[in-house]
Amino acid sequence: MALNNTYDAHDSYDARPVQQETAVGAGAQVLLLVLLGPATGMGTAGWLTGLAFALASWAVLSRALHRSRLPVFGPANRVTLGRATLVGGVTALVADSFRSAPPAALLVGLTAAALILDGVDGRVARRTGTSTALGARFDMEVDAFLILVLSVYVATDLGPWVLLIGGMRYVFVAAARAWPWLTASLPPSTARKTVAALQGVLLLLAGADLLPRGANAGAVALALALLVWSFGRDVVWLWRRSRVVAAPVRAVPELVAR
């Protein structure tokens, strides 16, 4: 989704309509857990994790909406909210998998639906002219968290190295606090989008356990290699950009001295 905010902030801002949407999303998350619980025999870890996800999502999104002052929630954000509900269900199942393996068909179905919807919210935003910076960030965070959860699930079989896939984006965000030049905007890239989409597909393939263990490890290793390449390319571009921007600033004292 585009990063520009197409809405204007108004002095008389009424947050109730958008806050009601987030409350509906939290309610849908709880309803999904109620449906998953009896069907899977979900234990305490799954219930607590799912409820914590619903509460945290509602709180963070409500605060972000209040700060952005969006007058309406928007159809694209509704799609992303629905996808977040599915991700919450996947998170609960993965948390419960440490006690007993979840039904593979259910886990794969929820994850596949969330991945498919990832390509829907952006198109809806563009067609309806409701692209916002908040919507783009919301979409990105849901994607990142799903990849993190899937990497945790696959790591239980293939080893902790798989966690590098889910953690890389969060390491990048943490590094940006130390090196602010990492926060600069990146140019659009089809390759970056393709690599990001492949992470979920390859992790889901490995998590479904349809292939031999060696093939699953190879698929996940390919996902990690592509992700390292993508992040590495972006970091190099950002570093070079920071050098170009900083060069005229460093030259000022020299010019003054002359």
C-alpha atoms as a PDB file:
ATOM      1  CA  MET A   1       0.000   0.000   0.000  1.00  0.00           C
ATOM      2  CA  ALA A   2       1.168   3.545  -0.670  1.00  0.00           C
ATOM      3  CA  LEU A   3       2.732   5.394   2.208  1.00  0.00           C
ATOM      4  CA  ASN A   4       1.101   8.753   1.618  1.00  0.00           C
ATOM      5  CA  ASN A   5      -1.810   9.683   3.855  1.00  0.00           C
ATOM      6  CA  THR A   6      -4.798  10.768   1.778  1.00  0.00           C
ATOM      7  CA  TYR A   7      -6.824  11.929   4.764  1.00  0.00           C
ATOM      8  CA  ASP A   8      -6.676  15.327   6.366  1.00  0.00           C
ATOM      9  CA  ALA A   9      -6.760  15.826  10.122  1.00  0.00           C
ATOM     10  CA  HIS A  10      -9.683  17.884  11.391  1.00  0.00           C
ATOM     11  CA  ASP A  11      -9.945  19.916  14.552  1.00  0.00           C
ATOM     12  CA  SER A  12     -13.263  18.291  15.455  1.00  0.00           C
ATOM     13  CA  TYR A  13     -12.066  14.729  15.327  1.00  0.00           C
ATOM     14  CA  ASP A  14     -14.411  11.953  16.442  1.00  0.00           C
ATOM     15  CA  ALA A  15     -12.445   8.770  17.150  1.00  0.00           C
ATOM     16  CA  ARG A  16     -15.462   6.621  17.973  1.00  0.00           C
ATOM     17  CA  PRO A  17     -16.152   5.230  14.459  1.00  0.00           C
ATOM     18  CA  VAL A  18     -12.605   3.943  13.935  1.00  0.00           C
ATOM     19  CA  GLN A  19     -12.296   2.736  17.535  1.00  0.00           C
ATOM     20  CA  GLN A  20     -15.457   0.689  17.067  1.00  0.00           C
ATOM     21  CA  GLU A  21     -13.798  -1.044  14.123  1.00  0.00           C
ATOM     22  CA  THR A  22     -10.820  -2.089  16.260  1.00  0.00           C
ATOM     23  CA  ALA A  23     -13.204  -3.381  18.934  1.00  0.00           C
ATOM     24  CA  VAL A  24     -14.976  -5.495  16.299  1.00  0.00           C
ATOM     25  CA  GLY A  25     -11.581  -6.845  15.240  1.00  0.00           C
ATOM     26  CA  ALA A  26     -10.738  -7.834  18.818  1.00  0.00           C
ATOM     27  CA  GLY A  27     -14.152  -9.478  19.142  1.00  0.00           C
ATOM     28  CA  ALA A  28     -13.580 -11.441  15.926  1.00  0.00           C
ATOM     29  CA  GLN A  29     -10.250 -12.606  17.302  1.00  0.00           C
ATOM     30  CA  VAL A  30     -11.878 -13.904  20.488  1.00  0.00           C
ATOM     31  CA  LEU A  31     -14.628 -15.576  18.447  1.00  0.00           C
ATOM     32  CA  LEU A  32     -12.006 -17.355  16.332  1.00  0.00           C
ATOM     33  CA  LEU A  33     -10.335 -18.634  19.499  1.00  0.00           C
ATOM     34  CA  VAL A  34     -13.693 -19.888  20.782  1.00  0.00           C
ATOM     35  CA  LEU A  35     -14.106 -21.835  17.540  1.00  0.00           C
ATOM     36  CA  LEU A  36     -10.533 -23.141  17.508  1.00  0.00           C
ATOM     37  CA  GLY A  37     -10.489 -24.173  21.172  1.00  0.00           C
ATOM     38  CA  PRO A  38     -12.927 -27.110  21.065  1.00  0.00           C
ATOM     39  CA  ALA A  39     -11.852 -28.123  17.545  1.00  0.00           C
ATOM     40  CA  THR A  40      -8.187 -28.492  18.507  1.00  0.00           C
ATOM     41  CA  GLY A  41      -8.353 -29.171  22.243  1.00  0.00           C
ATOM     42  CA  MET A  42      -6.371 -25.975  22.753  1.00  0.00           C
ATOM     43  CA  GLY A  43      -4.500 -25.739  26.025  1.00  0.00           C
ATOM     44  CA  THR A  44      -3.779 -22.835  28.346  1.00  0.00           C
ATOM     45  CA  ALA A  45      -0.754 -21.588  26.370  1.00  0.00           C
ATOM     46  CA  GLY A  46      -2.780 -21.292  23.186  1.00  0.00           C
ATOM     47  CA  TRP A  47      -5.675 -19.506  24.871  1.00  0.00           C
ATOM     48  CA  LEU A  48      -3.454 -17.046  26.733  1.00  0.00           C
ATOM     49  CA  THR A  49      -1.322 -16.317  23.681  1.00  0.00           C
ATOM     50  CA  GLY A  50      -4.355 -15.796  21.460  1.00  0.00           C
ATOM     51  CA  LEU A  51      -6.040 -13.497  23.962  1.00  0.00           C
ATOM     52  CA  ALA A  52      -2.800 -11.565  24.511  1.00  0.00           C
ATOM     53  CA  PHE A  53      -2.486 -11.098  20.744  1.00  0.00           C
ATOM     54  CA  ALA A  54      -6.073  -9.811  20.515  1.00  0.00           C
ATOM     55  CA  LEU A  55      -5.569  -7.380  23.393  1.00  0.00           C
ATOM     56  CA  ALA A  56      -2.185  -6.126  22.186  1.00  0.00           C
ATOM     57  CA  SER A  57      -3.442  -5.690  18.613  1.00  0.00           C
ATOM     58  CA  TRP A  58      -6.482  -3.748  19.784  1.00  0.00           C
ATOM     59  CA  ALA A  59      -4.420  -1.492  22.075  1.00  0.00           C
ATOM     60  CA  VAL A  60      -1.650  -0.732  19.569  1.00  0.00           C
ATOM     61  CA  LEU A  61      -4.007  -0.168  16.646  1.00  0.00           C
ATOM     62  CA  SER A  62      -6.370   1.996  18.699  1.00  0.00           C
ATOM     63  CA  ARG A  63      -3.511   4.213  19.794  1.00  0.00           C
ATOM     64  CA  ALA A  64      -2.140   4.483  16.258  1.00  0.00           C
ATOM     65  CA  LEU A  65      -5.565   5.408  14.891  1.00  0.00           C
ATOM     66  CA  HIS A  66      -6.030   8.063  17.555  1.00  0.00           C
ATOM     67  CA  ARG A  67      -2.647   9.604  16.754  1.00  0.00           C
ATOM     68  CA  SER A  68      -3.197   9.499  12.981  1.00  0.00           C
ATOM     69  CA  ARG A  69      -6.714  10.999  13.334  1.00  0.00           C
ATOM     70  CA  LEU A  70      -8.189   9.013  10.448  1.00  0.00           C
ATOM     71  CA  PRO A  71     -11.852   9.975   9.958  1.00  0.00           C
ATOM     72  CA  VAL A  72     -12.745   6.489   8.666  1.00  0.00           C
ATOM     73  CA  PHE A  73     -11.139   3.097   9.062  1.00  0.00           C
ATOM     74  CA  GLY A  74     -11.256   2.305   5.349  1.00  0.00           C
ATOM     75  CA  PRO A  75     -11.969  -0.893   3.387  1.00  0.00           C
ATOM     76  CA  ALA A  76      -8.285  -1.798   2.976  1.00  0.00           C
ATOM     77  CA  ASN A  77      -7.696  -1.603   6.724  1.00  0.00           C
ATOM     78  CA  ARG A  78     -10.702  -3.867   7.243  1.00  0.00           C
ATOM     79  CA  VAL A  79      -9.056  -6.484   5.032  1.00  0.00           C
ATOM     80  CA  THR A  80      -5.803  -6.137   6.976  1.00  0.00           C
ATOM     81  CA  LEU A  81      -7.719  -6.390  10.249  1.00  0.00           C
ATOM     82  CA  GLY A  82      -9.315  -9.610   9.030  1.00  0.00           C
ATOM     83  CA  ARG A  83      -5.859 -10.902   8.129  1.00  0.00           C
ATOM     84  CA  ALA A  84      -4.606  -9.950  11.588  1.00  0.00           C
ATOM     85  CA  THR A  85      -7.427 -12.050  13.060  1.00  0.00           C
ATOM     86  CA  LEU A  86      -6.208 -15.051  11.073  1.00  0.00           C
ATOM     87  CA  VAL A  87      -2.640 -14.390  12.207  1.00  0.00           C
ATOM     88  CA  GLY A  88      -3.883 -14.359  15.796  1.00  0.00           C
ATOM     89  CA  GLY A  89      -5.379 -17.799  15.241  1.00  0.00           C
ATOM     90  CA  VAL A  90      -2.102 -19.073  13.785  1.00  0.00           C
ATOM     91  CA  THR A  91      -0.237 -17.595  16.745  1.00  0.00           C
ATOM     92  CA  ALA A  92      -2.477 -19.417  19.218  1.00  0.00           C
ATOM     93  CA  LEU A  93      -2.027 -22.714  17.375  1.00  0.00           C
ATOM     94  CA  VAL A  94       1.755 -22.322  17.251  1.00  0.00           C
ATOM     95  CA  ALA A  95       1.903 -21.485  20.963  1.00  0.00           C
ATOM     96  CA  ASP A  96      -0.152 -24.584  21.702  1.00  0.00           C
ATOM     97  CA  SER A  97       2.063 -26.719  19.426  1.00  0.00           C
ATOM     98  CA  PHE A  98       4.675 -26.945  22.191  1.00  0.00           C
ATOM     99  CA  ARG A  99       2.117 -29.051  24.073  1.00  0.00           C
ATOM    100  CA  SER A 100       0.642 -30.989  21.167  1.00  0.00           C
ATOM    101  CA  ALA A 101       0.822 -30.719  17.398  1.00  0.00           C
ATOM    102  CA  PRO A 102      -2.064 -28.678  15.933  1.00  0.00           C
ATOM    103  CA  PRO A 103      -4.146 -30.090  13.050  1.00  0.00           C
ATOM    104  CA  ALA A 104      -1.949 -29.514  10.005  1.00  0.00           C
ATOM    105  CA  ALA A 105      -4.874 -28.755   7.709  1.00  0.00           C
ATOM    106  CA  LEU A 106      -6.199 -26.068  10.045  1.00  0.00           C
ATOM    107  CA  LEU A 107      -2.815 -24.394  10.520  1.00  0.00           C
ATOM    108  CA  VAL A 108      -2.094 -24.468   6.806  1.00  0.00           C
ATOM    109  CA  GLY A 109      -5.584 -23.196   5.958  1.00  0.00           C
ATOM    110  CA  LEU A 110      -5.416 -20.193   8.283  1.00  0.00           C
ATOM    111  CA  THR A 111      -1.881 -19.320   7.180  1.00  0.00           C
ATOM    112  CA  ALA A 112      -2.661 -19.693   3.487  1.00  0.00           C
ATOM    113  CA  ALA A 113      -5.726 -17.456   3.816  1.00  0.00           C
ATOM    114  CA  ALA A 114      -3.639 -14.796   5.594  1.00  0.00           C
ATOM    115  CA  LEU A 115      -0.975 -14.946   2.875  1.00  0.00           C
ATOM    116  CA  ILE A 116      -3.537 -14.697   0.077  1.00  0.00           C
ATOM    117  CA  LEU A 117      -5.218 -11.691   1.687  1.00  0.00           C
ATOM    118  CA  ASP A 118      -1.826  -9.979   1.820  1.00  0.00           C
ATOM    119  CA  GLY A 119      -2.221  -9.182  -1.846  1.00  0.00           C
ATOM    120  CA  VAL A 120      -5.796  -7.947  -1.475  1.00  0.00           C
ATOM    121  CA  ASP A 121      -5.577  -5.010   0.948  1.00  0.00           C
ATOM    122  CA  GLY A 122      -3.089  -3.093  -1.199  1.00  0.00           C
ATOM    123  CA  ARG A 123      -5.261  -3.413  -4.287  1.00  0.00           C
ATOM    124  CA  VAL A 124      -8.336  -2.350  -2.340  1.00  0.00           C
ATOM    125  CA  ALA A 125      -6.503   0.705  -1.007  1.00  0.00           C
ATOM    126  CA  ARG A 126      -5.384   1.786  -4.460  1.00  0.00           C
ATOM    127  CA  ARG A 127      -8.759   1.230  -6.114  1.00  0.00           C
ATOM    128  CA  THR A 128     -10.688   3.061  -3.395  1.00  0.00           C
ATOM    129  CA  GLY A 129      -8.120   5.850  -3.003  1.00  0.00           C
ATOM    130  CA  THR A 130      -7.759   5.173   0.728  1.00  0.00           C
ATOM    131  CA  SER A 131      -4.003   4.555   0.911  1.00  0.00           C
ATOM    132  CA  THR A 132      -2.546   5.806   4.190  1.00  0.00           C
ATOM    133  CA  ALA A 133       0.783   5.650   5.980  1.00  0.00           C
ATOM    134  CA  LEU A 134      -0.967   3.927   8.879  1.00  0.00           C
ATOM    135  CA  GLY A 135      -2.463   1.314   6.561  1.00  0.00           C
ATOM    136  CA  ALA A 136       0.947   0.575   5.042  1.00  0.00           C
ATOM    137  CA  ARG A 137       2.505   0.214   8.495  1.00  0.00           C
ATOM    138  CA  PHE A 138      -0.391  -1.950   9.712  1.00  0.00           C
ATOM    139  CA  ASP A 139       0.016  -4.220   6.694  1.00  0.00           C
ATOM    140  CA  MET A 140       3.770  -4.475   7.226  1.00  0.00           C
ATOM    141  CA  GLU A 141       3.514  -5.310  10.932  1.00  0.00           C
ATOM    142  CA  VAL A 142       0.960  -8.064  10.312  1.00  0.00           C
ATOM    143  CA  ASP A 143       3.245  -9.559   7.641  1.00  0.00           C
ATOM    144  CA  ALA A 144       6.304  -9.391   9.883  1.00  0.00           C
ATOM    145  CA  PHE A 145       4.561 -10.988  12.835  1.00  0.00           C
ATOM    146  CA  LEU A 146       3.183 -13.835  10.726  1.00  0.00           C
ATOM    147  CA  ILE A 147       6.692 -14.574   9.435  1.00  0.00           C
ATOM    148  CA  LEU A 148       8.011 -14.514  13.008  1.00  0.00           C
ATOM    149  CA  VAL A 149       5.342 -16.964  14.198  1.00  0.00           C
ATOM    150  CA  LEU A 150       5.919 -19.300  11.256  1.00  0.00           C
ATOM    151  CA  SER A 151       9.669 -19.254  11.829  1.00  0.00           C
ATOM    152  CA  VAL A 152       9.107 -20.230  15.477  1.00  0.00           C
ATOM    153  CA  TYR A 153       6.927 -23.132  14.373  1.00  0.00           C
ATOM    154  CA  VAL A 154       9.386 -24.404  11.750  1.00  0.00           C
ATOM    155  CA  ALA A 155      12.358 -23.893  14.092  1.00  0.00           C
ATOM    156  CA  THR A 156      10.990 -26.554  16.438  1.00  0.00           C
ATOM    157  CA  ASP A 157      11.752 -29.101  13.703  1.00  0.00           C
ATOM    158  CA  LEU A 158      14.679 -27.666  11.747  1.00  0.00           C
ATOM    159  CA  GLY A 159      16.533 -25.820  14.489  1.00  0.00           C
ATOM    160  CA  PRO A 160      16.918 -22.316  15.943  1.00  0.00           C
ATOM    161  CA  TRP A 161      18.678 -20.966  12.837  1.00  0.00           C
ATOM    162  CA  VAL A 162      15.232 -20.601  11.242  1.00  0.00           C
ATOM    163  CA  LEU A 163      14.466 -17.843  13.769  1.00  0.00           C
ATOM    164  CA  LEU A 164      16.840 -15.608  11.794  1.00  0.00           C
ATOM    165  CA  ILE A 165      14.078 -15.249   9.193  1.00  0.00           C
ATOM    166  CA  GLY A 166      11.463 -14.047  11.657  1.00  0.00           C
ATOM    167  CA  GLY A 167      13.854 -11.901  13.659  1.00  0.00           C
ATOM    168  CA  MET A 168      15.701 -10.120  10.858  1.00  0.00           C
ATOM    169  CA  ARG A 169      13.157  -7.367  10.379  1.00  0.00           C
ATOM    170  CA  TYR A 170      13.046  -6.646  14.121  1.00  0.00           C
ATOM    171  CA  VAL A 171      16.851  -6.572  14.274  1.00  0.00           C
ATOM    172  CA  PHE A 172      16.784  -4.041  11.436  1.00  0.00           C
ATOM    173  CA  VAL A 173      14.299  -1.858  13.348  1.00  0.00           C
ATOM    174  CA  ALA A 174      16.447  -2.063  16.496  1.00  0.00           C
ATOM    175  CA  ALA A 175      19.587  -1.192  14.505  1.00  0.00           C
ATOM    176  CA  ALA A 176      17.845   1.897  13.116  1.00  0.00           C
ATOM    177  CA  ARG A 177      17.757   3.311  16.658  1.00  0.00           C
ATOM    178  CA  ALA A 178      21.546   3.267  16.716  1.00  0.00           C
ATOM    179  CA  TRP A 179      22.020   4.281  13.073  1.00  0.00           C
ATOM    180  CA  PRO A 180      19.226   6.707  12.056  1.00  0.00           C
ATOM    181  CA  TRP A 181      20.279   6.594   8.404  1.00  0.00           C
ATOM    182  CA  LEU A 182      18.564   3.201   8.244  1.00  0.00           C
ATOM    183  CA  THR A 183      15.188   4.939   8.664  1.00  0.00           C
ATOM    184  CA  ALA A 184      15.352   6.705   5.283  1.00  0.00           C
ATOM    185  CA  SER A 185      12.718   5.772   2.712  1.00  0.00           C
ATOM    186  CA  LEU A 186      13.659   3.057   0.249  1.00  0.00           C
ATOM    187  CA  PRO A 187      12.725   3.202  -3.435  1.00  0.00           C
ATOM    188  CA  PRO A 188       9.976   0.801  -4.554  1.00  0.00           C
ATOM    189  CA  SER A 189      11.322  -2.617  -5.462  1.00  0.00           C
ATOM    190  CA  THR A 190       9.558  -5.581  -7.048  1.00  0.00           C
ATOM    191  CA  ALA A 191      12.409  -7.819  -5.923  1.00  0.00           C
ATOM    192  CA  ARG A 192      11.920  -6.785  -2.286  1.00  0.00           C
ATOM    193  CA  LYS A 193       8.187  -7.504  -2.458  1.00  0.00           C
ATOM    194  CA  THR A 194       8.798 -10.861  -4.116  1.00  0.00           C
ATOM    195  CA  VAL A 195      11.335 -11.928  -1.483  1.00  0.00           C
ATOM    196  CA  ALA A 196       8.972 -10.857   1.310  1.00  0.00           C
ATOM    197  CA  ALA A 197       6.112 -12.866  -0.190  1.00  0.00           C
ATOM    198  CA  LEU A 198       8.316 -15.943  -0.627  1.00  0.00           C
ATOM    199  CA  GLN A 199       9.187 -16.008   3.077  1.00  0.00           C
ATOM    200  CA  GLY A 200       5.648 -16.907   4.073  1.00  0.00           C
ATOM    201  CA  VAL A 201       5.179 -19.379   1.211  1.00  0.00           C
ATOM    202  CA  LEU A 202       8.423 -21.276   1.875  1.00  0.00           C
ATOM    203  CA  LEU A 203       7.920 -21.330   5.639  1.00  0.00           C
ATOM    204  CA  LEU A 204       4.379 -22.591   5.160  1.00  0.00           C
ATOM    205  CA  LEU A 205       5.656 -25.288   2.809  1.00  0.00           C
ATOM    206  CA  ALA A 206       8.150 -26.437   5.427  1.00  0.00           C
ATOM    207  CA  GLY A 207       5.587 -26.197   8.234  1.00  0.00           C
ATOM    208  CA  ALA A 208       3.068 -28.299   6.297  1.00  0.00           C
ATOM    209  CA  ASP A 209       5.645 -31.114   6.308  1.00  0.00           C
ATOM    210  CA  LEU A 210       4.630 -32.342   2.866  1.00  0.00           C
ATOM    211  CA  LEU A 211       8.228 -32.824   1.728  1.00  0.00           C
ATOM    212  CA  PRO A 212      11.159 -34.777   3.164  1.00  0.00           C
ATOM    213  CA  ARG A 213      13.006 -33.046   5.987  1.00  0.00           C
ATOM    214  CA  GLY A 214      15.983 -32.280   3.753  1.00  0.00           C
ATOM    215  CA  ALA A 215      13.762 -30.593   1.180  1.00  0.00           C
ATOM    216  CA  ASN A 216      12.075 -28.536   3.921  1.00  0.00           C
ATOM    217  CA  ALA A 217      15.478 -27.435   5.200  1.00  0.00           C
ATOM    218  CA  GLY A 218      16.512 -26.488   1.675  1.00  0.00           C
ATOM    219  CA  ALA A 219      13.360 -24.419   1.142  1.00  0.00           C
ATOM    220  CA  VAL A 220      13.863 -22.543   4.404  1.00  0.00           C
ATOM    221  CA  ALA A 221      17.582 -22.043   3.681  1.00  0.00           C
ATOM    222  CA  LEU A 222      16.612 -20.534   0.317  1.00  0.00           C
ATOM    223  CA  ALA A 223      14.165 -18.204   2.078  1.00  0.00           C
ATOM    224  CA  LEU A 224      16.879 -17.096   4.495  1.00  0.00           C
ATOM    225  CA  ALA A 225      19.432 -16.554   1.722  1.00  0.00           C
ATOM    226  CA  LEU A 226      16.986 -14.428  -0.266  1.00  0.00           C
ATOM    227  CA  LEU A 227      16.111 -12.408   2.825  1.00  0.00           C
ATOM    228  CA  VAL A 228      19.788 -11.769   3.668  1.00  0.00           C
ATOM    229  CA  TRP A 229      20.364 -10.646   0.090  1.00  0.00           C
ATOM    230  CA  SER A 230      17.324  -8.337   0.153  1.00  0.00           C
ATOM    231  CA  PHE A 231      18.181  -6.745   3.486  1.00  0.00           C
ATOM    232  CA  GLY A 232      21.850  -6.494   2.553  1.00  0.00           C
ATOM    233  CA  ARG A 233      21.048  -4.722  -0.696  1.00  0.00           C
ATOM    234  CA  ASP A 234      18.782  -2.245   1.080  1.00  0.00           C
ATOM    235  CA  VAL A 235      21.306  -1.561   3.836  1.00  0.00           C
ATOM    236  CA  VAL A 236      24.049  -0.868   1.271  1.00  0.00           C
ATOM    237  CA  TRP A 237      21.712   1.479  -0.637  1.00  0.00           C
ATOM    238  CA  LEU A 238      20.787   3.341   2.556  1.00  0.00           C
ATOM    239  CA  TRP A 239      24.428   3.619   3.621  1.00  0.00           C
ATOM    240  CA  ARG A 240      25.475   5.028   0.248  1.00  0.00           C
ATOM    241  CA  ARG A 241      22.568   7.470   0.353  1.00  0.00           C
ATOM    242  CA  SER A 242      23.612   8.632   3.822  1.00  0.00           C
ATOM    243  CA  ARG A 243      27.150   9.263   2.564  1.00  0.00           C
ATOM    244  CA  VAL A 244      25.876  11.335  -0.360  1.00  0.00           C
ATOM    245  CA  VAL A 245      23.581  13.380   1.886  1.00  0.00           C
ATOM    246  CA  ALA A 246      26.257  13.887   4.537  1.00  0.00           C
ATOM    247  CA  ALA A 247      28.987  14.953   2.079  1.00  0.00           C
ATOM    248  CA  PRO A 248      27.668  18.521   1.482  1.00  0.00           C
ATOM    249  CA  VAL A 249      27.181  18.984   5.234  1.00  0.00           C
ATOM    250  CA  ARG A 250      30.798  18.055   5.964  1.00  0.00           C
ATOM    251  CA  ALA A 251      31.957  20.395   3.227  1.00  0.00           C
ATOM    252  CA  VAL A 252      30.390  23.502   4.840  1.00  0.00           C
ATOM    253  CA  PRO A 253      33.173  24.191   7.423  1.00  0.00           C
ATOM    254  CA  GLU A 254      35.744  23.746   4.652  1.00  0.00           C
ATOM    255  CA  LEU A 255      34.013  26.293   2.458  1.00  0.00           C
ATOM    256  CA  VAL A 256      33.704  28.749   5.353  1.00  0.00           C
ATOM    257  CA  ALA A 257      37.427  28.394   6.104  1.00  0.00           C
ATOM    258  CA  ARG A 258      38.263  29.116   2.493  1.00  0.00           C
END
